[in-house]
Amino acid sequence: MRTSPLFMAFLYFALGFAFTYIAAQSAAETIWNAMTIILAMIATLNIAVSIRLFNLHNKIKNSKKK
């Protein structure tokens, strides 16, 4: 059984949101510490993957219409 790109996109977006929240909570005095930057980078990658999966879902949906 294959997983749909739309489900995976929602999953990656939720992970990106969770990492963003954790990064915001870990910023005590300043945001320029290593842990905050690493968490923000992981969140960015997760959100970028979710955008690509949303686009893939739309391309698959449009190709099935034709």
N, C-alpha and C. Protein backbone atom coordinates (compact mmCIF):
# COMPACT_ATOMS: atom_id res chain seq x y z
N MET A 1 0.84 -1.18 0.00
CA MET A 1 0.00 0.00 0.00
C MET A 1 0.88 1.24 0.00
N ARG A 2 0.57 2.16 -0.91
CA ARG A 2 1.38 3.36 -1.03
C ARG A 2 0.76 4.51 -0.27
N THR A 3 1.60 5.35 0.27
CA THR A 3 1.15 6.52 1.00
C THR A 3 0.99 7.68 0.04
N SER A 4 -0.09 8.42 0.19
CA SER A 4 -0.34 9.53 -0.74
C SER A 4 0.59 10.70 -0.42
N PRO A 5 0.97 11.45 -1.44
CA PRO A 5 1.81 12.63 -1.21
C PRO A 5 1.12 13.68 -0.35
N LEU A 6 -0.19 13.75 -0.41
CA LEU A 6 -0.91 14.74 0.38
C LEU A 6 -0.80 14.42 1.88
N PHE A 7 -0.94 13.16 2.24
CA PHE A 7 -0.79 12.77 3.64
C PHE A 7 0.62 13.05 4.13
N MET A 8 1.61 12.71 3.32
CA MET A 8 3.00 12.96 3.71
C MET A 8 3.28 14.45 3.81
N ALA A 9 2.65 15.25 2.94
CA ALA A 9 2.83 16.71 3.00
C ALA A 9 2.29 17.25 4.32
N PHE A 10 1.11 16.79 4.73
CA PHE A 10 0.57 17.23 6.01
C PHE A 10 1.45 16.79 7.17
N LEU A 11 1.99 15.58 7.07
CA LEU A 11 2.86 15.08 8.12
C LEU A 11 4.14 15.91 8.23
N TYR A 12 4.78 16.20 7.11
CA TYR A 12 5.99 17.01 7.12
C TYR A 12 5.70 18.44 7.58
N PHE A 13 4.54 18.98 7.19
CA PHE A 13 4.20 20.33 7.64
C PHE A 13 4.00 20.36 9.15
N ALA A 14 3.35 19.34 9.68
CA ALA A 14 3.15 19.27 11.13
C ALA A 14 4.49 19.15 11.86
N LEU A 15 5.40 18.35 11.31
CA LEU A 15 6.73 18.24 11.90
C LEU A 15 7.47 19.57 11.84
N GLY A 16 7.36 20.27 10.72
CA GLY A 16 7.99 21.58 10.59
C GLY A 16 7.43 22.57 11.59
N PHE A 17 6.13 22.53 11.79
CA PHE A 17 5.51 23.40 12.78
C PHE A 17 5.98 23.04 14.18
N ALA A 18 6.08 21.74 14.47
CA ALA A 18 6.53 21.30 15.79
C ALA A 18 7.97 21.73 16.04
N PHE A 19 8.84 21.57 15.05
CA PHE A 19 10.23 22.00 15.22
C PHE A 19 10.34 23.51 15.37
N THR A 20 9.49 24.25 14.68
CA THR A 20 9.48 25.71 14.84
C THR A 20 9.07 26.09 16.25
N TYR A 21 8.05 25.41 16.78
CA TYR A 21 7.61 25.68 18.14
C TYR A 21 8.70 25.35 19.15
N ILE A 22 9.36 24.21 18.97
CA ILE A 22 10.44 23.83 19.88
C ILE A 22 11.59 24.81 19.80
N ALA A 23 11.91 25.27 18.59
CA ALA A 23 12.99 26.25 18.43
C ALA A 23 12.64 27.56 19.11
N ALA A 24 11.38 27.97 19.02
CA ALA A 24 10.98 29.22 19.67
C ALA A 24 11.03 29.07 21.19
N GLN A 25 10.72 27.90 21.69
CA GLN A 25 10.76 27.68 23.13
C GLN A 25 12.19 27.57 23.65
N SER A 26 13.12 27.11 22.80
CA SER A 26 14.50 26.94 23.26
C SER A 26 15.30 28.24 23.22
N ALA A 27 14.75 29.27 22.62
CA ALA A 27 15.43 30.56 22.57
C ALA A 27 15.20 31.29 23.90
N ALA A 28 16.14 31.16 24.82
CA ALA A 28 15.97 31.75 26.14
C ALA A 28 16.29 33.25 26.11
N GLU A 29 17.57 33.59 26.00
CA GLU A 29 17.97 34.99 25.97
C GLU A 29 18.10 35.50 24.55
N THR A 30 18.67 34.68 23.69
CA THR A 30 18.90 35.08 22.32
C THR A 30 18.60 33.92 21.39
N ILE A 31 18.32 34.24 20.14
CA ILE A 31 18.04 33.17 19.18
C ILE A 31 19.32 32.65 18.53
N TRP A 32 20.43 33.26 18.81
CA TRP A 32 21.67 32.89 18.14
C TRP A 32 22.46 31.84 18.90
N ASN A 33 21.80 30.83 19.41
CA ASN A 33 22.53 29.70 19.97
C ASN A 33 22.38 28.50 19.03
N ALA A 34 23.24 27.52 19.18
CA ALA A 34 23.33 26.42 18.21
C ALA A 34 22.04 25.60 18.14
N MET A 35 21.45 25.31 19.27
CA MET A 35 20.26 24.46 19.27
C MET A 35 19.09 25.12 18.55
N THR A 36 18.90 26.40 18.75
CA THR A 36 17.81 27.11 18.09
C THR A 36 18.02 27.14 16.58
N ILE A 37 19.24 27.37 16.15
CA ILE A 37 19.53 27.43 14.72
C ILE A 37 19.35 26.06 14.08
N ILE A 38 19.79 25.00 14.74
CA ILE A 38 19.63 23.64 14.19
C ILE A 38 18.16 23.28 14.08
N LEU A 39 17.39 23.58 15.11
CA LEU A 39 15.96 23.28 15.07
C LEU A 39 15.24 24.09 13.99
N ALA A 40 15.63 25.33 13.80
CA ALA A 40 15.03 26.16 12.75
C ALA A 40 15.39 25.63 11.36
N MET A 41 16.61 25.14 11.20
CA MET A 41 17.01 24.56 9.91
C MET A 41 16.21 23.28 9.62
N ILE A 42 16.02 22.44 10.60
CA ILE A 42 15.22 21.23 10.41
C ILE A 42 13.78 21.59 10.06
N ALA A 43 13.24 22.60 10.74
CA ALA A 43 11.87 23.04 10.44
C ALA A 43 11.76 23.55 9.02
N THR A 44 12.77 24.29 8.58
CA THR A 44 12.77 24.82 7.21
C THR A 44 12.79 23.69 6.19
N LEU A 45 13.61 22.69 6.42
CA LEU A 45 13.67 21.56 5.50
C LEU A 45 12.35 20.80 5.47
N ASN A 46 11.74 20.60 6.61
CA ASN A 46 10.46 19.88 6.66
C ASN A 46 9.36 20.65 5.92
N ILE A 47 9.32 21.96 6.09
CA ILE A 47 8.30 22.75 5.40
C ILE A 47 8.57 22.79 3.90
N ALA A 48 9.83 22.83 3.50
CA ALA A 48 10.15 22.80 2.07
C ALA A 48 9.74 21.47 1.45
N VAL A 49 9.97 20.38 2.15
CA VAL A 49 9.55 19.07 1.64
C VAL A 49 8.03 19.00 1.54
N SER A 50 7.32 19.58 2.51
CA SER A 50 5.86 19.55 2.44
C SER A 50 5.34 20.35 1.25
N ILE A 51 5.98 21.46 0.94
CA ILE A 51 5.57 22.25 -0.23
C ILE A 51 5.79 21.45 -1.51
N ARG A 52 6.93 20.77 -1.59
CA ARG A 52 7.20 19.95 -2.78
C ARG A 52 6.20 18.81 -2.90
N LEU A 53 5.80 18.23 -1.79
CA LEU A 53 4.82 17.14 -1.84
C LEU A 53 3.43 17.66 -2.20
N PHE A 54 3.06 18.86 -1.75
CA PHE A 54 1.80 19.46 -2.18
C PHE A 54 1.81 19.67 -3.70
N ASN A 55 2.92 20.17 -4.23
CA ASN A 55 3.03 20.35 -5.68
C ASN A 55 2.96 19.03 -6.42
N LEU A 56 3.59 17.99 -5.89
CA LEU A 56 3.52 16.66 -6.51
C LEU A 56 2.09 16.15 -6.50
N HIS A 57 1.38 16.35 -5.42
CA HIS A 57 -0.02 15.92 -5.35
C HIS A 57 -0.85 16.63 -6.42
N ASN A 58 -0.63 17.93 -6.59
CA ASN A 58 -1.38 18.68 -7.61
C ASN A 58 -1.03 18.21 -9.01
N LYS A 59 0.24 17.90 -9.28
CA LYS A 59 0.62 17.41 -10.60
C LYS A 59 -0.01 16.05 -10.88
N ILE A 60 -0.03 15.19 -9.89
CA ILE A 60 -0.65 13.87 -10.07
C ILE A 60 -2.15 14.01 -10.31
N LYS A 61 -2.78 14.90 -9.56
CA LYS A 61 -4.22 15.12 -9.71
C LYS A 61 -4.53 15.68 -11.08
N ASN A 62 -3.72 16.62 -11.56
CA ASN A 62 -3.97 17.21 -12.88
C ASN A 62 -3.69 16.23 -14.00
N SER A 63 -2.71 15.35 -13.84
CA SER A 63 -2.41 14.37 -14.90
C SER A 63 -3.49 13.31 -14.98
N LYS A 64 -4.17 13.02 -13.88
CA LYS A 64 -5.26 12.04 -13.91
C LYS A 64 -6.50 12.61 -14.58
N LYS A 65 -6.67 13.95 -14.57
CA LYS A 65 -7.81 14.58 -15.21
C LYS A 65 -7.73 14.50 -16.72
N LYS A 66 -6.52 14.53 -17.28
CA LYS A 66 -6.34 14.57 -18.73
C LYS A 66 -6.51 13.22 -19.36
